[in-house]
N, C-alpha and C. Protein backbone atom coordinates (compact mmCIF):
# COMPACT_ATOMS: atom_id res chain seq x y z
N MET A 1 -1.94 36.91 -58.21
CA MET A 1 -1.22 35.87 -57.58
C MET A 1 -2.16 35.15 -56.64
N THR A 2 -2.07 33.89 -56.70
CA THR A 2 -2.93 33.09 -55.84
C THR A 2 -2.15 32.64 -54.63
N ALA A 3 -2.86 32.74 -53.52
CA ALA A 3 -2.20 32.33 -52.28
C ALA A 3 -2.34 30.81 -52.13
N VAL A 4 -1.30 30.18 -51.82
CA VAL A 4 -1.31 28.74 -51.60
C VAL A 4 -1.77 28.51 -50.17
N ARG A 5 -2.85 27.74 -50.05
CA ARG A 5 -3.38 27.47 -48.72
C ARG A 5 -2.86 26.13 -48.22
N ASN A 6 -2.58 26.14 -46.99
CA ASN A 6 -2.11 24.93 -46.35
C ASN A 6 -3.31 24.00 -46.11
N PRO A 7 -3.28 22.75 -46.55
CA PRO A 7 -4.42 21.83 -46.36
C PRO A 7 -4.68 21.56 -44.88
N LEU A 8 -3.70 21.61 -44.06
CA LEU A 8 -3.90 21.37 -42.64
C LEU A 8 -4.75 22.46 -42.01
N ILE A 9 -4.56 23.68 -42.44
CA ILE A 9 -5.36 24.79 -41.93
C ILE A 9 -6.81 24.65 -42.39
N LEU A 10 -7.01 24.21 -43.63
CA LEU A 10 -8.36 23.98 -44.13
C LEU A 10 -9.08 22.89 -43.34
N ILE A 11 -8.38 21.84 -43.02
CA ILE A 11 -8.97 20.74 -42.25
C ILE A 11 -9.33 21.21 -40.85
N LYS A 12 -8.45 22.00 -40.23
CA LYS A 12 -8.73 22.51 -38.89
C LYS A 12 -9.96 23.43 -38.90
N ARG A 13 -10.08 24.27 -39.92
CA ARG A 13 -11.21 25.19 -39.99
C ARG A 13 -12.51 24.45 -40.27
N ALA A 14 -12.47 23.34 -40.96
CA ALA A 14 -13.69 22.61 -41.32
C ALA A 14 -14.06 21.54 -40.29
N ALA A 15 -13.19 21.27 -39.33
CA ALA A 15 -13.43 20.16 -38.38
C ALA A 15 -14.65 20.42 -37.50
N TRP A 16 -14.73 21.60 -36.89
CA TRP A 16 -15.86 21.87 -35.99
C TRP A 16 -17.19 21.93 -36.72
N PRO A 17 -17.30 22.59 -37.84
CA PRO A 17 -18.58 22.55 -38.57
C PRO A 17 -18.95 21.13 -39.04
N ALA A 18 -17.95 20.35 -39.45
CA ALA A 18 -18.22 18.98 -39.89
C ALA A 18 -18.68 18.12 -38.72
N ALA A 19 -18.06 18.29 -37.56
CA ALA A 19 -18.48 17.54 -36.37
C ALA A 19 -19.90 17.93 -35.97
N GLY A 20 -20.20 19.22 -36.06
CA GLY A 20 -21.56 19.68 -35.75
C GLY A 20 -22.58 19.09 -36.71
N MET A 21 -22.24 19.04 -38.00
CA MET A 21 -23.15 18.46 -38.99
C MET A 21 -23.36 16.97 -38.74
N LEU A 22 -22.29 16.27 -38.34
CA LEU A 22 -22.43 14.84 -38.04
C LEU A 22 -23.35 14.61 -36.84
N VAL A 23 -23.21 15.44 -35.81
CA VAL A 23 -24.08 15.31 -34.62
C VAL A 23 -25.53 15.58 -34.99
N ILE A 24 -25.75 16.64 -35.79
CA ILE A 24 -27.11 16.95 -36.22
C ILE A 24 -27.69 15.82 -37.08
N ALA A 25 -26.89 15.26 -37.97
CA ALA A 25 -27.35 14.16 -38.83
C ALA A 25 -27.68 12.92 -37.99
N TYR A 26 -26.88 12.66 -36.97
CA TYR A 26 -27.15 11.50 -36.10
C TYR A 26 -28.49 11.65 -35.40
N PHE A 27 -28.72 12.80 -34.77
CA PHE A 27 -29.97 13.01 -34.03
C PHE A 27 -31.17 13.06 -34.98
N LEU A 28 -31.00 13.62 -36.15
CA LEU A 28 -32.07 13.65 -37.13
C LEU A 28 -32.42 12.23 -37.59
N GLY A 29 -31.42 11.41 -37.84
CA GLY A 29 -31.66 10.02 -38.22
C GLY A 29 -32.33 9.23 -37.11
N ALA A 30 -31.91 9.46 -35.87
CA ALA A 30 -32.53 8.77 -34.74
C ALA A 30 -33.98 9.21 -34.56
N ALA A 31 -34.27 10.47 -34.85
CA ALA A 31 -35.64 10.97 -34.71
C ALA A 31 -36.55 10.38 -35.78
N ILE A 32 -36.00 9.99 -36.90
CA ILE A 32 -36.83 9.45 -37.97
C ILE A 32 -36.92 7.93 -37.91
N VAL A 33 -35.79 7.24 -37.87
CA VAL A 33 -35.80 5.78 -37.95
C VAL A 33 -35.36 5.11 -36.66
N GLY A 34 -35.21 5.85 -35.60
CA GLY A 34 -34.75 5.27 -34.35
C GLY A 34 -35.83 4.44 -33.66
N GLU A 35 -35.47 3.92 -32.51
CA GLU A 35 -36.38 3.06 -31.75
C GLU A 35 -37.65 3.79 -31.35
N ASN A 36 -37.56 5.06 -31.05
CA ASN A 36 -38.72 5.88 -30.70
C ASN A 36 -39.00 6.94 -31.75
N GLY A 37 -38.57 6.72 -32.97
CA GLY A 37 -38.71 7.71 -34.02
C GLY A 37 -40.08 7.73 -34.66
N VAL A 38 -40.17 8.53 -35.71
CA VAL A 38 -41.43 8.73 -36.42
C VAL A 38 -41.91 7.42 -37.04
N LEU A 39 -41.04 6.62 -37.56
CA LEU A 39 -41.44 5.38 -38.22
C LEU A 39 -41.92 4.32 -37.22
N ALA A 40 -41.62 4.48 -35.94
CA ALA A 40 -42.06 3.52 -34.93
C ALA A 40 -43.49 3.79 -34.47
N TRP A 41 -44.09 4.88 -34.86
CA TRP A 41 -45.45 5.21 -34.43
C TRP A 41 -46.46 4.16 -34.87
N GLY A 42 -46.28 3.62 -36.07
CA GLY A 42 -47.19 2.57 -36.56
C GLY A 42 -47.17 1.36 -35.66
N ASP A 43 -45.97 0.97 -35.23
CA ASP A 43 -45.87 -0.17 -34.32
C ASP A 43 -46.53 0.13 -32.98
N TYR A 44 -46.37 1.36 -32.52
CA TYR A 44 -47.00 1.74 -31.25
C TYR A 44 -48.52 1.71 -31.36
N ARG A 45 -49.06 2.14 -32.50
CA ARG A 45 -50.51 2.10 -32.67
C ARG A 45 -51.03 0.68 -32.71
N ARG A 46 -50.32 -0.22 -33.39
CA ARG A 46 -50.73 -1.62 -33.44
C ARG A 46 -50.67 -2.25 -32.05
N ALA A 47 -49.61 -1.97 -31.32
CA ALA A 47 -49.48 -2.52 -29.96
C ALA A 47 -50.57 -1.96 -29.05
N LYS A 48 -50.90 -0.69 -29.22
CA LYS A 48 -51.97 -0.09 -28.41
C LYS A 48 -53.31 -0.73 -28.71
N ALA A 49 -53.58 -1.03 -29.98
CA ALA A 49 -54.83 -1.68 -30.35
C ALA A 49 -54.91 -3.07 -29.74
N GLN A 50 -53.82 -3.81 -29.79
CA GLN A 50 -53.81 -5.16 -29.19
C GLN A 50 -54.00 -5.09 -27.69
N GLU A 51 -53.34 -4.15 -27.05
CA GLU A 51 -53.48 -4.01 -25.60
C GLU A 51 -54.89 -3.55 -25.22
N SER A 52 -55.51 -2.74 -26.06
CA SER A 52 -56.88 -2.30 -25.79
C SER A 52 -57.85 -3.47 -25.85
N VAL A 53 -57.65 -4.37 -26.80
CA VAL A 53 -58.49 -5.56 -26.90
C VAL A 53 -58.30 -6.44 -25.66
N GLN A 54 -57.06 -6.62 -25.25
CA GLN A 54 -56.79 -7.43 -24.06
C GLN A 54 -57.36 -6.76 -22.82
N LEU A 55 -57.26 -5.44 -22.72
CA LEU A 55 -57.82 -4.72 -21.58
C LEU A 55 -59.34 -4.89 -21.52
N ALA A 56 -60.02 -4.79 -22.65
CA ALA A 56 -61.47 -4.97 -22.68
C ALA A 56 -61.85 -6.38 -22.24
N ARG A 57 -61.08 -7.38 -22.68
CA ARG A 57 -61.35 -8.76 -22.29
C ARG A 57 -61.14 -8.95 -20.79
N LEU A 58 -60.08 -8.37 -20.25
CA LEU A 58 -59.81 -8.49 -18.82
C LEU A 58 -60.84 -7.74 -17.98
N GLU A 59 -61.30 -6.59 -18.47
CA GLU A 59 -62.33 -5.86 -17.73
C GLU A 59 -63.64 -6.64 -17.71
N ALA A 60 -63.98 -7.30 -18.82
CA ALA A 60 -65.19 -8.13 -18.85
C ALA A 60 -65.05 -9.30 -17.88
N GLU A 61 -63.89 -9.92 -17.85
CA GLU A 61 -63.65 -11.03 -16.90
C GLU A 61 -63.73 -10.53 -15.46
N ARG A 62 -63.18 -9.36 -15.21
CA ARG A 62 -63.24 -8.78 -13.86
C ARG A 62 -64.68 -8.50 -13.45
N ALA A 63 -65.47 -7.96 -14.37
CA ALA A 63 -66.89 -7.69 -14.07
C ALA A 63 -67.64 -8.99 -13.80
N ARG A 64 -67.33 -10.04 -14.57
CA ARG A 64 -67.98 -11.33 -14.35
C ARG A 64 -67.63 -11.89 -12.98
N LEU A 65 -66.35 -11.80 -12.62
CA LEU A 65 -65.92 -12.32 -11.31
C LEU A 65 -66.49 -11.48 -10.17
N ALA A 66 -66.59 -10.17 -10.36
CA ALA A 66 -67.18 -9.32 -9.32
C ALA A 66 -68.65 -9.66 -9.11
N HIS A 67 -69.36 -9.92 -10.21
CA HIS A 67 -70.77 -10.31 -10.09
C HIS A 67 -70.90 -11.65 -9.39
N ARG A 68 -70.04 -12.57 -9.73
CA ARG A 68 -70.08 -13.89 -9.09
C ARG A 68 -69.74 -13.78 -7.60
N ALA A 69 -68.79 -12.94 -7.25
CA ALA A 69 -68.45 -12.74 -5.84
C ALA A 69 -69.61 -12.10 -5.10
N GLN A 70 -70.31 -11.21 -5.77
CA GLN A 70 -71.48 -10.59 -5.15
C GLN A 70 -72.57 -11.63 -4.91
N LEU A 71 -72.73 -12.58 -5.82
CA LEU A 71 -73.73 -13.64 -5.64
C LEU A 71 -73.36 -14.58 -4.49
N LEU A 72 -72.08 -14.66 -4.17
CA LEU A 72 -71.63 -15.55 -3.09
C LEU A 72 -71.47 -14.84 -1.76
N ASP A 73 -71.92 -13.60 -1.67
CA ASP A 73 -71.84 -12.85 -0.42
C ASP A 73 -72.57 -13.61 0.68
N PRO A 74 -71.92 -13.89 1.82
CA PRO A 74 -72.56 -14.68 2.88
C PRO A 74 -73.85 -14.06 3.42
N ALA A 75 -73.98 -12.75 3.33
CA ALA A 75 -75.20 -12.11 3.84
C ALA A 75 -76.42 -12.46 2.99
N HIS A 76 -76.27 -12.49 1.67
CA HIS A 76 -77.38 -12.87 0.78
C HIS A 76 -76.83 -13.68 -0.38
N ALA A 77 -76.51 -14.91 -0.14
CA ALA A 77 -75.97 -15.79 -1.17
C ALA A 77 -77.09 -16.26 -2.08
N ASP A 78 -76.77 -16.38 -3.37
CA ASP A 78 -77.74 -16.89 -4.34
C ASP A 78 -77.84 -18.40 -4.16
N PRO A 79 -79.02 -18.92 -3.83
CA PRO A 79 -79.14 -20.36 -3.55
C PRO A 79 -78.81 -21.24 -4.76
N ASP A 80 -79.14 -20.78 -5.97
CA ASP A 80 -78.84 -21.59 -7.16
C ASP A 80 -77.34 -21.72 -7.38
N LEU A 81 -76.61 -20.62 -7.21
CA LEU A 81 -75.16 -20.67 -7.40
C LEU A 81 -74.50 -21.52 -6.31
N VAL A 82 -74.96 -21.37 -5.08
CA VAL A 82 -74.40 -22.17 -3.99
C VAL A 82 -74.62 -23.65 -4.25
N GLU A 83 -75.83 -24.01 -4.68
CA GLU A 83 -76.12 -25.41 -4.97
C GLU A 83 -75.26 -25.92 -6.11
N GLU A 84 -75.09 -25.10 -7.15
CA GLU A 84 -74.25 -25.50 -8.28
C GLU A 84 -72.81 -25.75 -7.83
N LEU A 85 -72.26 -24.84 -7.02
CA LEU A 85 -70.88 -25.01 -6.55
C LEU A 85 -70.72 -26.22 -5.65
N VAL A 86 -71.68 -26.46 -4.77
CA VAL A 86 -71.60 -27.62 -3.88
C VAL A 86 -71.66 -28.90 -4.69
N ARG A 87 -72.55 -28.95 -5.65
CA ARG A 87 -72.65 -30.17 -6.48
C ARG A 87 -71.38 -30.40 -7.29
N ARG A 88 -70.84 -29.32 -7.88
CA ARG A 88 -69.67 -29.49 -8.72
C ARG A 88 -68.42 -29.79 -7.91
N ASN A 89 -68.18 -29.05 -6.83
CA ASN A 89 -66.93 -29.19 -6.08
C ASN A 89 -66.94 -30.37 -5.13
N LEU A 90 -68.07 -30.66 -4.53
CA LEU A 90 -68.12 -31.75 -3.56
C LEU A 90 -68.68 -33.04 -4.13
N GLY A 91 -69.32 -32.97 -5.28
CA GLY A 91 -69.88 -34.16 -5.91
C GLY A 91 -71.07 -34.70 -5.14
N VAL A 92 -71.86 -33.83 -4.53
CA VAL A 92 -72.98 -34.25 -3.71
C VAL A 92 -74.26 -34.17 -4.55
N VAL A 93 -75.11 -35.22 -4.44
CA VAL A 93 -76.42 -35.22 -5.07
C VAL A 93 -77.45 -35.68 -4.06
N ARG A 94 -78.70 -35.38 -4.33
CA ARG A 94 -79.77 -35.86 -3.45
C ARG A 94 -80.03 -37.33 -3.72
N PRO A 95 -80.57 -38.05 -2.74
CA PRO A 95 -80.81 -39.49 -2.93
C PRO A 95 -81.83 -39.79 -4.02
N ASP A 96 -82.74 -38.89 -4.32
CA ASP A 96 -83.77 -39.18 -5.32
C ASP A 96 -83.36 -38.77 -6.74
N GLU A 97 -82.13 -38.31 -6.94
CA GLU A 97 -81.67 -37.90 -8.26
C GLU A 97 -80.92 -39.02 -8.96
N VAL A 98 -81.01 -39.03 -10.29
CA VAL A 98 -80.28 -39.98 -11.12
C VAL A 98 -79.31 -39.18 -11.96
N ILE A 99 -78.06 -39.56 -11.94
CA ILE A 99 -77.01 -38.87 -12.68
C ILE A 99 -76.62 -39.72 -13.88
N ILE A 100 -76.63 -39.11 -15.05
CA ILE A 100 -76.20 -39.79 -16.27
C ILE A 100 -74.97 -39.05 -16.76
N ALA A 101 -73.83 -39.72 -16.71
CA ALA A 101 -72.56 -39.10 -17.15
C ALA A 101 -72.46 -39.22 -18.66
N SER A 102 -72.29 -38.09 -19.32
CA SER A 102 -72.22 -38.10 -20.78
C SER A 102 -70.81 -37.85 -21.30
N ASP A 103 -69.91 -37.36 -20.47
CA ASP A 103 -68.58 -37.04 -20.95
C ASP A 103 -67.51 -38.03 -20.49
N GLY A 104 -67.91 -39.13 -19.93
CA GLY A 104 -66.96 -40.15 -19.52
C GLY A 104 -66.43 -39.98 -18.12
N THR A 105 -66.80 -38.92 -17.42
CA THR A 105 -66.35 -38.76 -16.04
C THR A 105 -67.26 -39.56 -15.12
N PRO A 106 -66.74 -40.06 -14.02
CA PRO A 106 -67.59 -40.82 -13.12
C PRO A 106 -68.68 -39.94 -12.52
N ALA A 107 -69.86 -40.51 -12.40
CA ALA A 107 -70.99 -39.76 -11.86
C ALA A 107 -70.84 -39.61 -10.35
N ALA A 108 -71.43 -38.55 -9.83
CA ALA A 108 -71.40 -38.32 -8.38
C ALA A 108 -72.31 -39.31 -7.69
N GLN A 109 -71.95 -39.68 -6.49
CA GLN A 109 -72.76 -40.61 -5.71
C GLN A 109 -73.63 -39.83 -4.75
N PRO A 110 -74.78 -40.38 -4.37
CA PRO A 110 -75.61 -39.73 -3.37
C PRO A 110 -74.84 -39.55 -2.08
N ALA A 111 -75.21 -38.54 -1.30
CA ALA A 111 -74.50 -38.25 -0.06
C ALA A 111 -74.57 -39.41 0.90
N SER A 112 -75.64 -40.19 0.88
CA SER A 112 -75.76 -41.32 1.81
C SER A 112 -74.85 -42.47 1.42
N VAL A 113 -74.43 -42.53 0.14
CA VAL A 113 -73.58 -43.63 -0.32
C VAL A 113 -72.10 -43.27 -0.28
N ARG A 114 -71.78 -41.98 -0.32
CA ARG A 114 -70.38 -41.54 -0.34
C ARG A 114 -69.64 -41.97 0.90
N ARG A 115 -68.40 -42.31 0.68
CA ARG A 115 -67.54 -42.69 1.81
C ARG A 115 -66.49 -41.60 1.97
N PRO A 116 -66.21 -41.19 3.19
CA PRO A 116 -65.20 -40.14 3.40
C PRO A 116 -63.80 -40.58 3.07
């Protein structure tokens, strides 16, 4: 004789194991294809490579600026750099120099001709 099982009892007995399996499946899926999962490692490596290139470029720029700041130290300033900056920023030239503008910008005037 076969015992007739109540379907409600079967559902109650299977509910907790089924819920546990669903939770395990969710976390397993998130570990594989989630935002921080195994498949995202490739994207992280590409982003790290791009950031490493940018970091190297910024470090080179920082070293260049540190060297330039060292050349402008008031205790021992590099005369060539100081002269270059004064000529470029103030537009000052010596009276015996001739300026030929090649890029269309107005040429600097001698200091004796400049008007404040």
